[in-house]
């Protein structure tokens, strides 16, 4: 199973750690999307920036 993660809010004015987490997921601009594996490391990153992204499951 995989997770599709899309950045829906701007990174402007966010904490450095939140920006770094978004960049680590491959999200740099609003509308950027990436597919990541569904594992504990990815879920930890999602929890850190959950207020900035939209997550959907892919099969």
N, C-alpha and C. Protein backbone atom coordinates (compact mmCIF):
# COMPACT_ATOMS: atom_id res chain seq x y z
N UNK A 1 0.85 -1.18 0.00
CA UNK A 1 0.00 0.00 0.00
C UNK A 1 0.89 1.24 0.00
N UNK A 2 0.42 2.29 -0.66
CA UNK A 2 1.19 3.53 -0.75
C UNK A 2 0.28 4.70 -0.39
N UNK A 3 0.89 5.80 -0.05
CA UNK A 3 0.17 7.02 0.30
C UNK A 3 0.51 8.11 -0.70
N UNK A 4 -0.52 8.79 -1.20
CA UNK A 4 -0.31 9.94 -2.07
C UNK A 4 -0.42 11.18 -1.19
N UNK A 5 0.62 11.99 -1.19
CA UNK A 5 0.69 13.16 -0.33
C UNK A 5 0.77 14.40 -1.21
N UNK A 6 -0.13 15.36 -0.97
CA UNK A 6 -0.17 16.59 -1.75
C UNK A 6 -0.07 17.79 -0.83
N UNK A 7 0.79 18.74 -1.20
CA UNK A 7 0.93 19.98 -0.43
C UNK A 7 -0.20 20.92 -0.82
N UNK A 8 -1.03 21.32 0.15
CA UNK A 8 -2.18 22.18 -0.13
C UNK A 8 -2.07 23.56 0.51
N UNK A 9 -1.10 23.75 1.40
CA UNK A 9 -0.89 25.06 2.01
C UNK A 9 0.57 25.45 1.86
N UNK A 10 0.83 26.74 1.87
CA UNK A 10 2.16 27.28 1.63
C UNK A 10 3.13 26.96 2.76
N UNK A 11 4.41 26.88 2.40
CA UNK A 11 5.47 26.68 3.38
C UNK A 11 6.03 28.01 3.90
N UNK A 12 5.55 29.12 3.36
CA UNK A 12 6.03 30.43 3.79
C UNK A 12 5.73 30.66 5.26
N UNK A 13 6.73 31.06 6.02
CA UNK A 13 6.56 31.38 7.43
C UNK A 13 6.49 30.18 8.35
N UNK A 14 6.70 28.99 7.82
CA UNK A 14 6.65 27.78 8.65
C UNK A 14 7.98 27.57 9.35
N UNK A 15 7.98 26.71 10.36
CA UNK A 15 9.20 26.38 11.07
C UNK A 15 10.16 25.64 10.14
N UNK A 16 11.47 25.81 10.39
CA UNK A 16 12.47 25.17 9.54
C UNK A 16 12.29 23.66 9.47
N UNK A 17 11.93 23.05 10.59
CA UNK A 17 11.73 21.61 10.62
C UNK A 17 10.57 21.17 9.74
N UNK A 18 9.51 21.96 9.69
CA UNK A 18 8.36 21.63 8.85
C UNK A 18 8.72 21.77 7.37
N UNK A 19 9.47 22.80 7.03
CA UNK A 19 9.91 22.98 5.64
C UNK A 19 10.83 21.83 5.24
N UNK A 20 11.75 21.45 6.11
CA UNK A 20 12.67 20.36 5.82
C UNK A 20 11.92 19.04 5.64
N UNK A 21 10.90 18.82 6.45
CA UNK A 21 10.10 17.60 6.33
C UNK A 21 9.36 17.57 5.00
N UNK A 22 8.76 18.68 4.61
CA UNK A 22 8.06 18.75 3.32
C UNK A 22 9.05 18.51 2.19
N UNK A 23 10.22 19.11 2.25
CA UNK A 23 11.23 18.91 1.21
C UNK A 23 11.70 17.46 1.16
N UNK A 24 11.81 16.82 2.31
CA UNK A 24 12.22 15.42 2.36
C UNK A 24 11.18 14.52 1.69
N UNK A 25 9.93 14.93 1.73
CA UNK A 25 8.88 14.19 1.05
C UNK A 25 8.77 14.56 -0.43
N UNK A 26 9.55 15.53 -0.88
CA UNK A 26 9.52 15.96 -2.27
C UNK A 26 8.48 17.02 -2.56
N UNK A 27 8.03 17.72 -1.52
CA UNK A 27 7.00 18.76 -1.66
C UNK A 27 7.64 20.13 -1.51
N UNK A 28 7.59 20.93 -2.56
CA UNK A 28 8.22 22.23 -2.52
C UNK A 28 7.25 23.38 -2.79
N UNK A 29 6.26 23.15 -3.66
CA UNK A 29 5.29 24.17 -4.01
C UNK A 29 3.88 23.64 -3.79
N UNK A 30 2.93 24.55 -3.60
CA UNK A 30 1.53 24.14 -3.48
C UNK A 30 1.15 23.37 -4.74
N UNK A 31 0.48 22.24 -4.55
CA UNK A 31 0.07 21.41 -5.67
C UNK A 31 1.02 20.27 -5.96
N UNK A 32 2.23 20.32 -5.42
CA UNK A 32 3.17 19.20 -5.59
C UNK A 32 2.62 17.97 -4.89
N UNK A 33 2.77 16.82 -5.53
CA UNK A 33 2.29 15.57 -4.95
C UNK A 33 3.36 14.50 -5.11
N UNK A 34 3.36 13.55 -4.21
CA UNK A 34 4.30 12.46 -4.24
C UNK A 34 3.64 11.20 -3.71
N UNK A 35 4.15 10.05 -4.11
CA UNK A 35 3.66 8.78 -3.61
C UNK A 35 4.76 8.18 -2.75
N UNK A 36 4.43 7.88 -1.50
CA UNK A 36 5.39 7.36 -0.53
C UNK A 36 4.88 6.03 0.03
N UNK A 37 5.80 5.16 0.46
CA UNK A 37 5.36 3.90 1.07
C UNK A 37 4.67 4.16 2.41
N UNK A 38 3.74 3.27 2.74
CA UNK A 38 3.01 3.38 4.00
C UNK A 38 3.81 2.66 5.10
N UNK A 39 4.70 3.41 5.75
CA UNK A 39 5.52 2.83 6.83
C UNK A 39 5.62 3.84 7.97
N UNK A 40 6.17 3.42 9.12
CA UNK A 40 6.24 4.32 10.28
C UNK A 40 7.02 5.61 10.03
N UNK A 41 8.08 5.55 9.22
CA UNK A 41 8.87 6.76 8.95
C UNK A 41 8.04 7.78 8.19
N UNK A 42 7.32 7.33 7.19
CA UNK A 42 6.47 8.23 6.41
C UNK A 42 5.35 8.80 7.26
N UNK A 43 4.75 7.96 8.10
CA UNK A 43 3.65 8.43 8.96
C UNK A 43 4.15 9.48 9.96
N UNK A 44 5.38 9.36 10.43
CA UNK A 44 5.96 10.36 11.31
C UNK A 44 6.12 11.69 10.62
N UNK A 45 6.56 11.65 9.37
CA UNK A 45 6.69 12.89 8.59
C UNK A 45 5.33 13.51 8.34
N UNK A 46 4.35 12.68 8.03
CA UNK A 46 2.99 13.18 7.80
C UNK A 46 2.45 13.86 9.05
N UNK A 47 2.65 13.26 10.21
CA UNK A 47 2.15 13.84 11.46
C UNK A 47 2.77 15.20 11.75
N UNK A 48 4.00 15.41 11.30
CA UNK A 48 4.69 16.68 11.56
C UNK A 48 4.11 17.83 10.74
N UNK A 49 3.59 17.51 9.54
CA UNK A 49 3.07 18.57 8.66
C UNK A 49 1.63 18.30 8.22
N UNK A 50 0.87 17.60 9.04
CA UNK A 50 -0.49 17.19 8.67
C UNK A 50 -1.38 18.39 8.34
N UNK A 51 -1.13 19.54 8.93
CA UNK A 51 -1.94 20.73 8.70
C UNK A 51 -1.64 21.40 7.35
N UNK A 52 -0.62 20.92 6.63
CA UNK A 52 -0.23 21.52 5.35
C UNK A 52 -0.53 20.63 4.15
N UNK A 53 -0.92 19.39 4.40
CA UNK A 53 -1.01 18.41 3.31
C UNK A 53 -2.36 17.72 3.26
N UNK A 54 -2.59 17.02 2.15
CA UNK A 54 -3.75 16.14 1.99
C UNK A 54 -3.20 14.76 1.66
N UNK A 55 -3.66 13.73 2.38
CA UNK A 55 -3.15 12.38 2.21
C UNK A 55 -4.28 11.47 1.75
N UNK A 56 -4.01 10.68 0.70
CA UNK A 56 -4.95 9.68 0.23
C UNK A 56 -4.21 8.36 0.04
N UNK A 57 -4.95 7.26 0.17
CA UNK A 57 -4.34 5.94 -0.01
C UNK A 57 -4.42 5.53 -1.46
N UNK A 58 -3.35 4.88 -1.94
CA UNK A 58 -3.33 4.31 -3.27
C UNK A 58 -3.11 2.82 -3.17
N UNK A 59 -3.71 2.09 -4.08
CA UNK A 59 -3.53 0.63 -4.07
C UNK A 59 -2.49 0.21 -5.08
